[in-house]
Every structure is written in C-alpha cells, then in structure tokens.
N, C-alpha and C. Protein backbone atom coordinates (compact mmCIF):
# COMPACT_ATOMS: atom_id res chain seq x y z
N MET A 1 -12.23 0.48 -112.49
CA MET A 1 -13.22 0.19 -111.49
C MET A 1 -13.01 -1.22 -110.91
N GLU A 2 -12.69 -2.19 -111.80
CA GLU A 2 -12.47 -3.56 -111.36
C GLU A 2 -11.27 -3.66 -110.42
N THR A 3 -10.21 -2.91 -110.70
CA THR A 3 -9.02 -2.90 -109.85
C THR A 3 -9.37 -2.41 -108.45
N ARG A 4 -10.23 -1.41 -108.37
CA ARG A 4 -10.62 -0.86 -107.07
C ARG A 4 -11.37 -1.93 -106.26
N HIS A 5 -12.25 -2.68 -106.88
CA HIS A 5 -13.00 -3.73 -106.19
C HIS A 5 -12.07 -4.83 -105.68
N ILE A 6 -11.07 -5.17 -106.47
CA ILE A 6 -10.10 -6.18 -106.04
C ILE A 6 -9.31 -5.68 -104.85
N ALA A 7 -8.89 -4.41 -104.87
CA ALA A 7 -8.14 -3.83 -103.75
C ALA A 7 -8.98 -3.79 -102.49
N VAL A 8 -10.25 -3.42 -102.60
CA VAL A 8 -11.15 -3.38 -101.45
C VAL A 8 -11.36 -4.79 -100.91
N ALA A 9 -11.58 -5.74 -101.81
CA ALA A 9 -11.77 -7.14 -101.38
C ALA A 9 -10.54 -7.67 -100.67
N ALA A 10 -9.36 -7.34 -101.17
CA ALA A 10 -8.11 -7.77 -100.53
C ALA A 10 -7.98 -7.15 -99.15
N ALA A 11 -8.32 -5.87 -99.01
CA ALA A 11 -8.23 -5.19 -97.71
C ALA A 11 -9.21 -5.82 -96.72
N VAL A 12 -10.40 -6.15 -97.16
CA VAL A 12 -11.39 -6.79 -96.30
C VAL A 12 -10.89 -8.17 -95.87
N LEU A 13 -10.32 -8.92 -96.79
CA LEU A 13 -9.80 -10.24 -96.48
C LEU A 13 -8.68 -10.17 -95.45
N VAL A 14 -7.72 -9.25 -95.64
CA VAL A 14 -6.61 -9.10 -94.70
C VAL A 14 -7.13 -8.69 -93.33
N THR A 15 -8.06 -7.74 -93.30
CA THR A 15 -8.64 -7.30 -92.03
C THR A 15 -9.37 -8.45 -91.36
N GLY A 16 -10.12 -9.21 -92.14
CA GLY A 16 -10.85 -10.35 -91.58
C GLY A 16 -9.92 -11.40 -91.02
N LEU A 17 -8.83 -11.69 -91.73
CA LEU A 17 -7.87 -12.67 -91.24
C LEU A 17 -7.19 -12.19 -89.97
N ALA A 18 -6.84 -10.92 -89.90
CA ALA A 18 -6.22 -10.37 -88.70
C ALA A 18 -7.17 -10.49 -87.52
N GLY A 19 -8.45 -10.22 -87.75
CA GLY A 19 -9.44 -10.35 -86.68
C GLY A 19 -9.57 -11.79 -86.21
N CYS A 20 -9.53 -12.74 -87.14
CA CYS A 20 -9.64 -14.16 -86.77
C CYS A 20 -8.41 -14.61 -86.00
N ALA A 21 -7.25 -14.12 -86.36
CA ALA A 21 -6.02 -14.54 -85.71
C ALA A 21 -5.98 -14.12 -84.25
N SER A 22 -6.67 -13.06 -83.89
CA SER A 22 -6.61 -12.58 -82.52
C SER A 22 -7.63 -13.25 -81.61
N GLN A 23 -8.48 -14.11 -82.17
CA GLN A 23 -9.48 -14.79 -81.37
C GLN A 23 -8.85 -15.94 -80.60
N PRO A 24 -9.11 -16.05 -79.29
CA PRO A 24 -8.56 -17.19 -78.54
C PRO A 24 -9.32 -18.45 -78.89
N PRO A 25 -8.64 -19.60 -78.81
CA PRO A 25 -9.33 -20.86 -79.09
C PRO A 25 -10.35 -21.16 -78.01
N ALA A 26 -11.38 -21.92 -78.35
CA ALA A 26 -12.44 -22.25 -77.40
C ALA A 26 -11.88 -23.00 -76.20
N LEU A 27 -11.02 -23.97 -76.44
CA LEU A 27 -10.34 -24.69 -75.35
C LEU A 27 -8.85 -24.54 -75.59
N GLY A 28 -8.12 -24.24 -74.56
CA GLY A 28 -6.67 -24.15 -74.69
C GLY A 28 -6.16 -22.74 -74.55
N GLY A 29 -6.98 -21.72 -74.63
CA GLY A 29 -6.55 -20.34 -74.47
C GLY A 29 -6.88 -19.83 -73.08
N THR A 30 -6.91 -20.70 -72.11
CA THR A 30 -7.33 -20.33 -70.77
C THR A 30 -6.12 -20.17 -69.85
N THR A 31 -6.38 -19.63 -68.67
CA THR A 31 -5.32 -19.44 -67.68
C THR A 31 -5.77 -19.96 -66.32
N ALA A 32 -4.78 -20.13 -65.46
CA ALA A 32 -5.05 -20.53 -64.08
C ALA A 32 -4.17 -19.70 -63.16
N LYS A 33 -4.69 -19.43 -62.00
CA LYS A 33 -3.93 -18.77 -60.94
C LYS A 33 -3.61 -19.85 -59.91
N VAL A 34 -2.33 -19.97 -59.55
CA VAL A 34 -1.91 -21.05 -58.66
C VAL A 34 -1.05 -20.48 -57.53
N THR A 35 -1.34 -20.91 -56.31
CA THR A 35 -0.47 -20.60 -55.17
C THR A 35 -0.04 -21.92 -54.54
N ILE A 36 1.18 -21.94 -54.03
CA ILE A 36 1.70 -23.10 -53.30
C ILE A 36 2.23 -22.57 -51.97
N ASP A 37 1.73 -23.14 -50.89
CA ASP A 37 2.01 -22.66 -49.54
C ASP A 37 1.73 -21.15 -49.43
N GLY A 38 0.68 -20.71 -50.11
CA GLY A 38 0.25 -19.32 -50.04
C GLY A 38 1.08 -18.36 -50.89
N LYS A 39 2.07 -18.87 -51.62
CA LYS A 39 2.95 -18.01 -52.42
C LYS A 39 2.55 -18.05 -53.89
N ASP A 40 2.54 -16.88 -54.52
CA ASP A 40 2.26 -16.73 -55.94
C ASP A 40 3.29 -17.51 -56.74
N THR A 41 2.87 -18.16 -57.80
CA THR A 41 3.77 -18.96 -58.64
C THR A 41 4.05 -18.30 -59.99
N GLY A 42 3.86 -16.98 -60.06
CA GLY A 42 4.11 -16.28 -61.32
C GLY A 42 2.87 -16.19 -62.17
N ASN A 43 1.73 -16.00 -61.56
CA ASN A 43 0.43 -16.00 -62.23
C ASN A 43 0.28 -14.87 -63.24
N PRO A 44 -0.63 -15.03 -64.19
CA PRO A 44 -1.41 -16.23 -64.50
C PRO A 44 -0.62 -17.20 -65.38
N HIS A 45 -1.02 -18.45 -65.38
CA HIS A 45 -0.36 -19.49 -66.16
C HIS A 45 -1.29 -19.96 -67.27
N ALA A 46 -0.74 -20.14 -68.45
CA ALA A 46 -1.51 -20.71 -69.55
C ALA A 46 -1.80 -22.17 -69.22
N VAL A 47 -3.03 -22.60 -69.46
CA VAL A 47 -3.40 -24.00 -69.26
C VAL A 47 -4.24 -24.48 -70.44
N ARG A 48 -4.23 -25.79 -70.59
CA ARG A 48 -5.11 -26.44 -71.55
C ARG A 48 -6.14 -27.23 -70.76
N CYS A 49 -7.37 -27.15 -71.18
CA CYS A 49 -8.44 -27.89 -70.53
C CYS A 49 -9.06 -28.85 -71.54
N SER A 50 -9.28 -30.06 -71.11
CA SER A 50 -9.94 -31.03 -71.97
C SER A 50 -10.91 -31.84 -71.13
N GLN A 51 -11.93 -32.33 -71.78
CA GLN A 51 -12.95 -33.10 -71.08
C GLN A 51 -13.15 -34.43 -71.78
N THR A 52 -13.15 -35.50 -70.99
CA THR A 52 -13.47 -36.84 -71.47
C THR A 52 -14.54 -37.38 -70.54
N GLY A 53 -15.75 -37.50 -71.04
CA GLY A 53 -16.85 -37.93 -70.18
C GLY A 53 -17.06 -36.90 -69.09
N TRP A 54 -17.03 -37.36 -67.85
CA TRP A 54 -17.21 -36.46 -66.71
C TRP A 54 -15.89 -35.91 -66.19
N ALA A 55 -14.78 -36.37 -66.71
CA ALA A 55 -13.46 -35.96 -66.20
C ALA A 55 -12.92 -34.75 -66.98
N TRP A 56 -12.46 -33.76 -66.24
CA TRP A 56 -11.77 -32.59 -66.81
C TRP A 56 -10.30 -32.70 -66.46
N THR A 57 -9.44 -32.46 -67.44
CA THR A 57 -8.00 -32.37 -67.20
C THR A 57 -7.59 -30.93 -67.44
N ILE A 58 -6.92 -30.34 -66.47
CA ILE A 58 -6.42 -28.98 -66.54
C ILE A 58 -4.91 -29.08 -66.41
N GLU A 59 -4.17 -28.61 -67.43
CA GLU A 59 -2.72 -28.80 -67.39
C GLU A 59 -1.99 -27.65 -68.08
N THR A 60 -0.77 -27.42 -67.61
CA THR A 60 0.09 -26.45 -68.26
C THR A 60 0.68 -27.09 -69.52
N PRO A 61 0.96 -26.28 -70.55
CA PRO A 61 1.57 -26.84 -71.76
C PRO A 61 2.95 -27.45 -71.50
N ASP A 62 3.71 -26.86 -70.58
CA ASP A 62 5.05 -27.35 -70.25
C ASP A 62 4.94 -28.44 -69.18
N LYS A 63 5.24 -29.65 -69.55
CA LYS A 63 5.14 -30.77 -68.60
C LYS A 63 6.35 -30.85 -67.66
N THR A 64 7.49 -30.26 -68.04
CA THR A 64 8.68 -30.35 -67.20
C THR A 64 8.64 -29.38 -66.02
N LYS A 65 7.95 -28.29 -66.17
CA LYS A 65 7.78 -27.32 -65.08
C LYS A 65 6.33 -26.85 -65.09
N GLY A 66 5.45 -27.75 -64.69
CA GLY A 66 4.04 -27.42 -64.75
C GLY A 66 3.23 -28.28 -63.81
N PHE A 67 1.92 -28.31 -64.08
CA PHE A 67 1.04 -29.13 -63.26
C PHE A 67 -0.04 -29.74 -64.13
N THR A 68 -0.61 -30.83 -63.61
CA THR A 68 -1.77 -31.48 -64.22
C THR A 68 -2.76 -31.78 -63.10
N ALA A 69 -4.00 -31.37 -63.29
CA ALA A 69 -5.06 -31.66 -62.33
C ALA A 69 -6.19 -32.35 -63.07
N VAL A 70 -6.76 -33.38 -62.43
CA VAL A 70 -7.90 -34.09 -63.01
C VAL A 70 -9.03 -34.03 -62.00
N ILE A 71 -10.20 -33.56 -62.47
CA ILE A 71 -11.37 -33.49 -61.60
C ILE A 71 -12.51 -34.27 -62.23
N ASP A 72 -13.43 -34.74 -61.39
CA ASP A 72 -14.60 -35.47 -61.83
C ASP A 72 -15.81 -34.58 -61.62
N THR A 73 -16.60 -34.39 -62.67
CA THR A 73 -17.79 -33.53 -62.59
C THR A 73 -19.07 -34.35 -62.68
N GLY A 74 -18.98 -35.65 -62.41
CA GLY A 74 -20.14 -36.55 -62.49
C GLY A 74 -21.13 -36.30 -61.37
N ASP A 75 -21.56 -37.35 -60.69
CA ASP A 75 -22.55 -37.25 -59.62
C ASP A 75 -22.15 -36.25 -58.55
N ALA A 76 -20.89 -36.30 -58.15
CA ALA A 76 -20.37 -35.37 -57.14
C ALA A 76 -19.05 -34.79 -57.67
N LEU A 77 -18.88 -33.50 -57.54
CA LEU A 77 -17.66 -32.82 -57.97
C LEU A 77 -16.53 -33.24 -57.04
N SER A 78 -15.43 -33.75 -57.62
CA SER A 78 -14.32 -34.20 -56.79
C SER A 78 -13.00 -34.07 -57.54
N ALA A 79 -11.93 -33.92 -56.77
CA ALA A 79 -10.58 -33.89 -57.33
C ALA A 79 -10.07 -35.33 -57.38
N LYS A 80 -9.59 -35.74 -58.55
CA LYS A 80 -9.04 -37.09 -58.71
C LYS A 80 -7.54 -37.12 -58.47
N SER A 81 -6.81 -36.14 -59.03
CA SER A 81 -5.36 -36.09 -58.84
C SER A 81 -4.85 -34.69 -59.18
N VAL A 82 -3.73 -34.34 -58.57
CA VAL A 82 -3.01 -33.11 -58.88
C VAL A 82 -1.53 -33.44 -58.80
N ASP A 83 -0.80 -33.15 -59.87
CA ASP A 83 0.65 -33.39 -59.92
C ASP A 83 1.36 -32.10 -60.27
N PHE A 84 2.35 -31.74 -59.46
CA PHE A 84 3.20 -30.59 -59.73
C PHE A 84 4.59 -31.10 -60.09
N HIS A 85 5.18 -30.55 -61.15
CA HIS A 85 6.53 -30.93 -61.58
C HIS A 85 7.39 -29.68 -61.61
N ASP A 86 8.18 -29.48 -60.56
CA ASP A 86 9.05 -28.30 -60.43
C ASP A 86 8.27 -27.04 -60.77
N PHE A 87 7.06 -26.95 -60.24
CA PHE A 87 6.18 -25.82 -60.49
C PHE A 87 6.23 -24.89 -59.28
N GLY A 88 6.68 -23.67 -59.50
CA GLY A 88 6.86 -22.76 -58.37
C GLY A 88 7.89 -23.31 -57.40
N GLY A 89 8.82 -24.12 -57.92
CA GLY A 89 9.86 -24.72 -57.09
C GLY A 89 9.39 -25.94 -56.30
N PHE A 90 8.21 -26.46 -56.60
CA PHE A 90 7.65 -27.59 -55.86
C PHE A 90 7.35 -28.75 -56.80
N THR A 91 7.69 -29.95 -56.35
CA THR A 91 7.31 -31.17 -57.04
C THR A 91 6.54 -32.01 -56.03
N GLY A 92 5.31 -32.35 -56.36
CA GLY A 92 4.50 -33.11 -55.41
C GLY A 92 3.22 -33.62 -56.03
N THR A 93 2.51 -34.43 -55.24
CA THR A 93 1.33 -35.12 -55.74
C THR A 93 0.22 -35.18 -54.72
N TYR A 94 -1.00 -35.00 -55.23
CA TYR A 94 -2.20 -35.42 -54.50
C TYR A 94 -2.80 -36.53 -55.36
N TRP A 95 -3.06 -37.66 -54.77
CA TRP A 95 -3.69 -38.77 -55.48
C TRP A 95 -4.07 -39.82 -54.46
N GLY A 96 -5.33 -40.18 -54.41
CA GLY A 96 -5.78 -41.23 -53.50
C GLY A 96 -5.44 -40.93 -52.05
N GLU A 97 -4.56 -41.71 -51.47
CA GLU A 97 -4.18 -41.55 -50.06
C GLU A 97 -3.01 -40.58 -49.86
N ILE A 98 -2.50 -40.02 -50.95
CA ILE A 98 -1.37 -39.07 -50.86
C ILE A 98 -1.94 -37.67 -50.92
N GLY A 99 -1.78 -36.91 -49.83
CA GLY A 99 -2.32 -35.56 -49.78
C GLY A 99 -3.84 -35.57 -49.70
N LYS A 100 -4.42 -34.39 -49.92
CA LYS A 100 -5.88 -34.29 -49.94
C LYS A 100 -6.25 -33.11 -50.83
N ALA A 101 -7.46 -33.15 -51.36
CA ALA A 101 -7.90 -32.05 -52.23
C ALA A 101 -9.41 -32.05 -52.35
N GLU A 102 -9.95 -30.88 -52.60
CA GLU A 102 -11.37 -30.74 -52.90
C GLU A 102 -11.52 -29.70 -53.99
N VAL A 103 -12.63 -29.75 -54.68
CA VAL A 103 -12.87 -28.84 -55.79
C VAL A 103 -14.26 -28.24 -55.66
N THR A 104 -14.37 -26.97 -56.04
CA THR A 104 -15.65 -26.28 -56.10
C THR A 104 -15.77 -25.63 -57.46
N GLY A 105 -16.99 -25.32 -57.85
CA GLY A 105 -17.21 -24.61 -59.09
C GLY A 105 -18.16 -25.35 -60.01
N ALA A 106 -18.32 -24.80 -61.21
CA ALA A 106 -19.19 -25.39 -62.22
C ALA A 106 -18.96 -24.66 -63.53
N GLY A 107 -19.43 -25.26 -64.61
CA GLY A 107 -19.41 -24.60 -65.91
C GLY A 107 -18.04 -24.22 -66.42
N GLY A 108 -17.01 -24.98 -66.06
CA GLY A 108 -15.67 -24.70 -66.55
C GLY A 108 -14.86 -23.77 -65.66
N LYS A 109 -15.42 -23.28 -64.57
CA LYS A 109 -14.67 -22.44 -63.62
C LYS A 109 -14.55 -23.24 -62.32
N TYR A 110 -13.31 -23.66 -62.04
CA TYR A 110 -13.09 -24.54 -60.90
C TYR A 110 -11.98 -24.02 -60.01
N THR A 111 -12.14 -24.26 -58.70
CA THR A 111 -11.10 -23.98 -57.72
C THR A 111 -10.78 -25.28 -57.01
N ILE A 112 -9.51 -25.67 -57.07
CA ILE A 112 -9.06 -26.89 -56.43
C ILE A 112 -8.14 -26.47 -55.29
N THR A 113 -8.43 -26.91 -54.09
CA THR A 113 -7.59 -26.60 -52.93
C THR A 113 -7.22 -27.90 -52.23
N GLY A 114 -6.07 -27.89 -51.58
CA GLY A 114 -5.68 -29.08 -50.85
C GLY A 114 -4.21 -29.08 -50.50
N SER A 115 -3.68 -30.28 -50.34
CA SER A 115 -2.27 -30.44 -50.00
C SER A 115 -1.69 -31.58 -50.83
N ALA A 116 -0.41 -31.43 -51.13
CA ALA A 116 0.30 -32.44 -51.92
C ALA A 116 1.60 -32.79 -51.19
N ASP A 117 1.96 -34.05 -51.24
CA ASP A 117 3.22 -34.50 -50.64
C ASP A 117 4.32 -34.44 -51.69
N GLY A 118 5.48 -33.92 -51.30
CA GLY A 118 6.58 -33.82 -52.24
C GLY A 118 7.78 -33.12 -51.63
N ASN A 119 8.46 -32.28 -52.44
CA ASN A 119 9.62 -31.53 -51.94
C ASN A 119 9.81 -30.27 -52.79
N PHE A 120 10.57 -29.35 -52.22
CA PHE A 120 10.91 -28.12 -52.92
C PHE A 120 12.28 -28.27 -53.56
N THR A 121 12.45 -27.64 -54.70
CA THR A 121 13.69 -27.73 -55.48
C THR A 121 14.90 -27.32 -54.66
N ASP A 122 14.75 -26.30 -53.80
CA ASP A 122 15.90 -25.81 -53.02
C ASP A 122 16.29 -26.74 -51.88
N ASN A 123 15.48 -27.76 -51.57
CA ASN A 123 15.81 -28.73 -50.53
C ASN A 123 15.16 -30.08 -50.89
N PRO A 124 15.64 -30.72 -51.95
CA PRO A 124 14.97 -31.92 -52.47
C PRO A 124 14.96 -33.12 -51.52
N SER A 125 15.86 -33.18 -50.56
CA SER A 125 15.90 -34.33 -49.65
C SER A 125 14.91 -34.18 -48.50
N ASN A 126 14.29 -33.02 -48.37
CA ASN A 126 13.35 -32.77 -47.28
C ASN A 126 11.92 -32.98 -47.76
N ALA A 127 11.28 -34.08 -47.35
CA ALA A 127 9.90 -34.35 -47.73
C ALA A 127 8.97 -33.39 -46.99
N VAL A 128 8.02 -32.80 -47.73
CA VAL A 128 7.09 -31.84 -47.14
C VAL A 128 5.68 -32.11 -47.65
N THR A 129 4.73 -31.53 -46.95
CA THR A 129 3.36 -31.45 -47.43
C THR A 129 3.08 -29.98 -47.65
N ALA A 130 2.81 -29.61 -48.88
CA ALA A 130 2.56 -28.21 -49.24
C ALA A 130 1.09 -28.02 -49.58
N THR A 131 0.53 -26.88 -49.19
CA THR A 131 -0.84 -26.56 -49.56
C THR A 131 -0.85 -25.91 -50.94
N PHE A 132 -1.95 -26.06 -51.65
CA PHE A 132 -2.05 -25.45 -52.98
C PHE A 132 -3.47 -24.95 -53.21
N ARG A 133 -3.57 -24.03 -54.15
CA ARG A 133 -4.86 -23.51 -54.61
C ARG A 133 -4.73 -23.25 -56.11
N ILE A 134 -5.61 -23.84 -56.90
CA ILE A 134 -5.64 -23.66 -58.34
C ILE A 134 -7.00 -23.09 -58.70
N GLU A 135 -7.02 -21.92 -59.34
CA GLU A 135 -8.25 -21.32 -59.83
C GLU A 135 -8.16 -21.30 -61.35
N ALA A 136 -8.99 -22.11 -62.00
CA ALA A 136 -8.92 -22.24 -63.45
C ALA A 136 -10.26 -21.92 -64.10
N SER A 137 -10.18 -21.27 -65.23
CA SER A 137 -11.37 -21.03 -66.06
C SER A 137 -11.17 -21.77 -67.37
N CYS A 138 -11.95 -22.79 -67.59
CA CYS A 138 -11.82 -23.61 -68.81
C CYS A 138 -12.91 -23.27 -69.80
C-alpha cells in the first residue's frame, strides 16, 4: 500500500512540474509585432519588457539583430527612444531630434509609431528615414 502512495505522489509531482514548466513568465514571455516601411519583419518577435519608475523598456533578447524602445508612462504617454539594429534589414534611431515617434495604449499594451533615421543593410551608404510600427503586449 505504501509503495502505491509513493508512486501516486511521484506521478502528481511530475505532472505538477510539467504544468509549471509550460507557464510563461510574468515579464519576458511577451511578443511584439513590428513593421518597417509597412513590411512585416518576421512577426511575432519575442521581447522582454521591464519597468523602472514610469519608464518601460521593450527589447528583443538579441541585441545584434533586434530593437529597443523606451516609453514614458508618467504624466503624458510618450516615446523616449527607439533603436533598430539590423532588424528587418534596417538599422536606425528615433531619439530627440532624430526621427519622430508617438505611443498609444495603457496597461502594458502599447503601440509605438513613427520614423527613424538610418539605413538598410542592402544599401548601407544610402541614408533613409523609415517608418515603423511596434505593437507590444508587456
């Protein structure tokens, strides 16, 4: 009888662990849909979201071919910066006087739209301004 209880307990433990392993993390298991110049960039993309004070950072795990966006959720919702690094074939920046961007949303669901100055991988010597749209759920 004791052996049966141990076997049942072990089965419950293994089942419980398998169930826990399939749970996404509270932050970091999110995705974003991104377009550059209206073109799909291979969506959806895994992103990590973190918050420090009123600032949210939304970024891809891969920094060499990814993006980082920082938004402010304080008094007024605003985009602080967006950097693309060979993402969808584009490397460019929105920050301050470079490009433009705005953000809408609340509660961890944000859409950032705007333009970034940079270049495309297939023509790196040609400076361009590309439009972008990032839809992220954090």
